[in-house]
Amino acid sequence: MEELLGKHESLWEGTSSDTNFPAWKGEGPFDAAILGGGIAGLTVAFYLKNAGLKVAVLDMRRILKGVTANTTAKITSAHGLIYNYLLSNIKSRKARLYAEANQ
């Protein structure tokens, strides 16, 4: 991580290898097609594959090079500030519903 100090690139970009997967030639069949090879699409693909499905991940360019390339690449439902607002202004039932929906 020290080598990234002073650079203007995300940790994700600075520590991940470039991808060079071949373009899809129309082969199949697949049980599921994931459109978008960012952290969210790859996470969904990972879980579907672990569930036994044959999965294709399709991206317009290279996977992990769009929005994901410049994020902290985390997936969380613990959005502390919004819960504080909901609890203060809307009360606990709606805060709980919001938490459950995000989980």
C-alpha atoms as a PDB file:
ATOM      1  CA  MET A   1       0.000   0.000   0.000  1.00  0.00           C
ATOM      2  CA  GLU A   2       2.890   2.393   0.619  1.00  0.00           C
ATOM      3  CA  GLU A   3       3.686   2.400  -3.083  1.00  0.00           C
ATOM      4  CA  LEU A   4       0.272   4.016  -3.716  1.00  0.00           C
ATOM      5  CA  LEU A   5       0.941   7.074  -1.541  1.00  0.00           C
ATOM      6  CA  GLY A   6       0.912  10.210  -3.635  1.00  0.00           C
ATOM      7  CA  LYS A   7      -0.684   8.501  -6.631  1.00  0.00           C
ATOM      8  CA  HIS A   8      -4.064   9.513  -7.960  1.00  0.00           C
ATOM      9  CA  GLU A   9      -5.513   6.076  -8.505  1.00  0.00           C
ATOM     10  CA  SER A  10      -7.713   3.856  -6.448  1.00  0.00           C
ATOM     11  CA  LEU A  11      -6.309   1.005  -4.400  1.00  0.00           C
ATOM     12  CA  TRP A  12      -8.374  -1.319  -6.605  1.00  0.00           C
ATOM     13  CA  GLU A  13      -6.713  -0.028  -9.787  1.00  0.00           C
ATOM     14  CA  GLY A  14      -3.260   0.115  -8.236  1.00  0.00           C
ATOM     15  CA  THR A  15      -3.225  -3.461  -6.976  1.00  0.00           C
ATOM     16  CA  SER A  16      -5.305  -5.401  -9.527  1.00  0.00           C
ATOM     17  CA  SER A  17      -3.965  -7.001 -12.673  1.00  0.00           C
ATOM     18  CA  ASP A  18      -5.480  -6.056 -16.003  1.00  0.00           C
ATOM     19  CA  THR A  19      -8.037  -8.475 -17.371  1.00  0.00           C
ATOM     20  CA  ASN A  20      -7.894  -9.776 -20.887  1.00  0.00           C
ATOM     21  CA  PHE A  21     -10.728 -12.226 -21.246  1.00  0.00           C
ATOM     22  CA  PRO A  22     -11.817 -13.057 -24.799  1.00  0.00           C
ATOM     23  CA  ALA A  23     -14.904 -11.471 -26.314  1.00  0.00           C
ATOM     24  CA  TRP A  24     -18.026 -13.632 -26.164  1.00  0.00           C
ATOM     25  CA  LYS A  25     -18.605 -15.488 -29.435  1.00  0.00           C
ATOM     26  CA  GLY A  26     -22.215 -16.434 -28.749  1.00  0.00           C
ATOM     27  CA  GLU A  27     -21.486 -19.822 -27.217  1.00  0.00           C
ATOM     28  CA  GLY A  28     -23.838 -21.088 -24.554  1.00  0.00           C
ATOM     29  CA  PRO A  29     -26.179 -22.040 -23.141  1.00  0.00           C
ATOM     30  CA  PHE A  30     -26.038 -20.298 -19.772  1.00  0.00           C
ATOM     31  CA  ASP A  31     -28.435 -20.367 -16.865  1.00  0.00           C
ATOM     32  CA  ALA A  32     -27.792 -16.694 -16.138  1.00  0.00           C
ATOM     33  CA  ALA A  33     -26.173 -13.750 -17.876  1.00  0.00           C
ATOM     34  CA  ILE A  34     -24.815 -10.943 -15.707  1.00  0.00           C
ATOM     35  CA  LEU A  35     -24.634  -7.592 -17.484  1.00  0.00           C
ATOM     36  CA  GLY A  36     -21.772  -5.638 -15.982  1.00  0.00           C
ATOM     37  CA  GLY A  37     -18.440  -6.920 -14.714  1.00  0.00           C
ATOM     38  CA  GLY A  38     -18.015  -4.669 -11.715  1.00  0.00           C
ATOM     39  CA  ILE A  39     -17.921  -5.700  -8.077  1.00  0.00           C
ATOM     40  CA  ALA A  40     -21.712  -6.093  -7.904  1.00  0.00           C
ATOM     41  CA  GLY A  41     -21.976  -8.155 -11.108  1.00  0.00           C
ATOM     42  CA  LEU A  42     -19.049 -10.381 -10.175  1.00  0.00           C
ATOM     43  CA  THR A  43     -20.426 -10.908  -6.681  1.00  0.00           C
ATOM     44  CA  VAL A  44     -23.771 -12.023  -8.111  1.00  0.00           C
ATOM     45  CA  ALA A  45     -21.982 -14.271 -10.613  1.00  0.00           C
ATOM     46  CA  PHE A  46     -19.886 -15.795  -7.812  1.00  0.00           C
ATOM     47  CA  TYR A  47     -22.944 -16.725  -5.751  1.00  0.00           C
ATOM     48  CA  LEU A  48     -24.883 -18.061  -8.745  1.00  0.00           C
ATOM     49  CA  LYS A  49     -21.905 -20.197  -9.804  1.00  0.00           C
ATOM     50  CA  ASN A  50     -21.556 -21.509  -6.249  1.00  0.00           C
ATOM     51  CA  ALA A  51     -25.252 -22.420  -6.406  1.00  0.00           C
ATOM     52  CA  GLY A  52     -24.490 -24.612  -9.431  1.00  0.00           C
ATOM     53  CA  LEU A  53     -25.568 -22.354 -12.286  1.00  0.00           C
ATOM     54  CA  LYS A  54     -23.626 -21.827 -15.490  1.00  0.00           C
ATOM     55  CA  VAL A  55     -23.004 -18.070 -15.574  1.00  0.00           C
ATOM     56  CA  ALA A  56     -21.792 -15.625 -18.228  1.00  0.00           C
ATOM     57  CA  VAL A  57     -20.508 -12.187 -17.212  1.00  0.00           C
ATOM     58  CA  LEU A  58     -20.822  -9.666 -20.029  1.00  0.00           C
ATOM     59  CA  ASP A  59     -19.301  -6.209 -19.957  1.00  0.00           C
ATOM     60  CA  MET A  60     -19.089  -3.500 -22.592  1.00  0.00           C
ATOM     61  CA  ARG A  61     -15.344  -3.105 -22.085  1.00  0.00           C
ATOM     62  CA  ARG A  62     -13.108  -4.816 -19.543  1.00  0.00           C
ATOM     63  CA  ILE A  63     -14.343  -6.182 -16.250  1.00  0.00           C
ATOM     64  CA  LEU A  64     -13.447  -4.202 -13.139  1.00  0.00           C
ATOM     65  CA  LYS A  65     -12.508  -1.137 -15.200  1.00  0.00           C
ATOM     66  CA  GLY A  66     -15.690   0.964 -15.034  1.00  0.00           C
ATOM     67  CA  VAL A  67     -17.209   2.370 -11.854  1.00  0.00           C
ATOM     68  CA  THR A  68     -15.623  -0.383  -9.742  1.00  0.00           C
ATOM     69  CA  ALA A  69     -12.140   0.681 -10.774  1.00  0.00           C
ATOM     70  CA  ASN A  70     -12.432   3.865  -8.722  1.00  0.00           C
ATOM     71  CA  THR A  71     -14.361   2.660  -5.683  1.00  0.00           C
ATOM     72  CA  THR A  72     -13.415   1.167  -2.368  1.00  0.00           C
ATOM     73  CA  ALA A  73     -14.984  -2.061  -3.679  1.00  0.00           C
ATOM     74  CA  LYS A  74     -17.053  -2.872  -0.659  1.00  0.00           C
ATOM     75  CA  ILE A  75     -20.582  -4.091  -0.387  1.00  0.00           C
ATOM     76  CA  THR A  76     -22.332  -3.214   2.844  1.00  0.00           C
ATOM     77  CA  SER A  77     -25.752  -2.663   4.312  1.00  0.00           C
ATOM     78  CA  ALA A  78     -24.392  -0.771   7.333  1.00  0.00           C
ATOM     79  CA  HIS A  79     -24.957   2.822   6.295  1.00  0.00           C
ATOM     80  CA  GLY A  80     -24.601   4.439   9.720  1.00  0.00           C
ATOM     81  CA  LEU A  81     -25.593   7.975   8.764  1.00  0.00           C
ATOM     82  CA  ILE A  82     -28.886   6.994   7.146  1.00  0.00           C
ATOM     83  CA  TYR A  83     -29.864   4.837  10.135  1.00  0.00           C
ATOM     84  CA  ASN A  84     -29.204   7.756  12.481  1.00  0.00           C
ATOM     85  CA  TYR A  85     -31.445   9.950  10.318  1.00  0.00           C
ATOM     86  CA  LEU A  86     -34.175   7.321  10.098  1.00  0.00           C
ATOM     87  CA  LEU A  87     -34.154   6.677  13.831  1.00  0.00           C
ATOM     88  CA  SER A  88     -34.213  10.396  14.601  1.00  0.00           C
ATOM     89  CA  ASN A  89     -36.857  11.388  12.065  1.00  0.00           C
ATOM     90  CA  ILE A  90     -38.899   8.390  11.003  1.00  0.00           C
ATOM     91  CA  LYS A  91     -38.625   6.020  13.988  1.00  0.00           C
ATOM     92  CA  SER A  92     -37.364   2.513  14.460  1.00  0.00           C
ATOM     93  CA  ARG A  93     -39.906   0.491  12.435  1.00  0.00           C
ATOM     94  CA  LYS A  94     -38.994   2.187   9.150  1.00  0.00           C
ATOM     95  CA  ALA A  95     -35.297   2.125  10.009  1.00  0.00           C
ATOM     96  CA  ARG A  96     -35.615  -1.631  10.591  1.00  0.00           C
ATOM     97  CA  LEU A  97     -37.466  -2.077   7.272  1.00  0.00           C
ATOM     98  CA  TYR A  98     -34.741  -0.116   5.479  1.00  0.00           C
ATOM     99  CA  ALA A  99     -32.057  -2.279   7.128  1.00  0.00           C
ATOM    100  CA  GLU A 100     -33.846  -5.498   6.199  1.00  0.00           C
ATOM    101  CA  ALA A 101     -34.337  -4.368   2.586  1.00  0.00           C
ATOM    102  CA  ASN A 102     -30.637  -3.541   2.245  1.00  0.00           C
ATOM    103  CA  GLN A 103     -29.515  -6.783   3.840  1.00  0.00           C
END
